[in-house]
Amino acid sequence: MKLRTKYHGEVEVNGTDIFYFSNGIPGFLDEKQFVLLPIEDTPFIILQSVKTPVLGFAMIDPFLYFPDYDIELDEQTIERLELSSERDVAVYVILTVADPFENTTANLQAPIVVNRAKKLGKQVILTNTPYRTKHRLFPEKAGAK
């Protein structure tokens, strides 16, 4: 199927590429189907809505930028995503892209967790965690405000 996207223009995707988010994602509860579209030669990936072409979220694998990032999924999330093996899990975090880009932040408090094998996804809101919704992707330069 052809899919109009926010960042990639029109792309061809297979039905098997679509991830199902049973509860949507916070703020977009009616958006239940997404595809993951990597941006070539970058660590960035777009979580693109199948239904709404202008809805796409820039994401990264948080472990590339925050090697100590550590989350624990609760049983409800594990059941909802039908996770049975760690190798089926992928974790991403949504970016707030800033201008200039060096001020871009990552939402480590609400990662997107997907079951790659079963094509299920969920944005998990972490509680009792030191993570916030805005962690700088790049260290602040000395002397910057």
Foldseek 3Di string as FASTA:
>chain_A
DWAAAQPPGIDDDDPLQKAAEPQAAVVCRVQGIWGWAADPPDQWIWTTGRVDRNDIFIKGQVCVQVVVQDDDDDPVVCVQQVDDDPVQKGKIWTWDQDVVRQQIFTQSQWIWIHRNVVRYIYTHGHPPDPTGGGDGSHDDDPPDD
